[in-house]
Every structure is written in C-alpha cells, then in structure tokens.
C-alpha cells in the first residue's frame, strides 16, 4: 500500500508542476542513450566481415 501512496504522490507532484505533460511516459524517449549510434567506416567493415564469416 505504501508503494501505491508514493506513486500517487509522485504523479500529483508531476501534474502540479507540468500539467498533463508531466504525466507522460518518457522512459522510451529519454533513456539517456541513443537508440543507434553511427558507426565508423572500420567498424562497418569489421561487422560485415564478421557477418560474412558467420
């Protein structure tokens, strides 16, 4: 029950500070790391060589 109360408190605080935008789920959009980084030319060649070898 304590977890429910704490979650409710966090949601209320987020709503009071930012309105409906504060309640949006941002776990996927702002995880802090990019979904895919750009590879250097040598990394691309190494990956292709490993794929061909496999």
Protein backbone atom coordinates (compact mmCIF):
# COMPACT_ATOMS: atom_id res chain seq x y z
CA UNK A 1 0.00 0.00 0.00
CA UNK A 2 2.92 2.30 0.71
CA UNK A 3 4.15 1.99 -2.91
CA UNK A 4 0.72 2.99 -4.21
CA UNK A 5 0.68 6.06 -1.98
CA UNK A 6 4.19 7.06 -3.06
CA UNK A 7 3.36 6.63 -6.75
CA UNK A 8 0.22 8.68 -6.31
CA UNK A 9 2.21 11.39 -4.57
CA UNK A 10 4.77 11.47 -7.41
CA UNK A 11 2.01 11.69 -10.03
CA UNK A 12 0.27 14.52 -8.21
CA UNK A 13 3.52 16.45 -7.87
CA UNK A 14 4.34 15.94 -11.57
CA UNK A 15 0.83 17.11 -12.55
CA UNK A 16 1.05 20.17 -10.31
CA UNK A 17 4.41 21.18 -11.79
CA UNK A 18 3.85 20.42 -15.50
CA UNK A 19 0.18 19.60 -16.05
CA UNK A 20 -0.66 16.71 -18.37
CA UNK A 21 2.80 16.85 -19.96
CA UNK A 22 4.29 15.91 -16.59
CA UNK A 23 2.33 12.66 -16.62
CA UNK A 24 3.59 11.41 -20.00
CA UNK A 25 5.77 8.31 -20.01
CA UNK A 26 9.25 9.39 -21.09
CA UNK A 27 11.12 6.16 -20.44
CA UNK A 28 11.41 5.31 -24.13
CA UNK A 29 12.08 8.78 -25.46
CA UNK A 30 14.69 9.98 -22.99
CA UNK A 31 16.58 6.99 -21.73
CA UNK A 32 19.83 8.93 -21.93
CA UNK A 33 21.48 6.84 -24.58
CA UNK A 34 20.88 6.87 -28.31
CA UNK A 35 18.97 4.02 -29.88
CA UNK A 36 21.62 3.53 -32.52
CA UNK A 37 24.93 5.26 -32.94
CA UNK A 38 26.69 5.96 -36.19
CA UNK A 39 29.47 3.50 -36.95
CA UNK A 40 32.86 4.44 -38.26
CA UNK A 41 33.97 3.01 -41.58
CA UNK A 42 36.30 0.49 -39.91
CA UNK A 43 33.53 -0.69 -37.58
CA UNK A 44 31.21 -1.20 -40.53
CA UNK A 45 33.85 -3.21 -42.38
CA UNK A 46 34.54 -5.33 -39.29
CA UNK A 47 30.84 -6.05 -38.80
CA UNK A 48 30.38 -7.00 -42.44
CA UNK A 49 33.45 -9.28 -42.28
CA UNK A 50 32.10 -10.96 -39.14
CA UNK A 51 28.68 -11.39 -40.80
CA UNK A 52 30.28 -12.95 -43.91
CA UNK A 53 32.45 -15.22 -41.77
CA UNK A 54 29.43 -16.37 -39.82
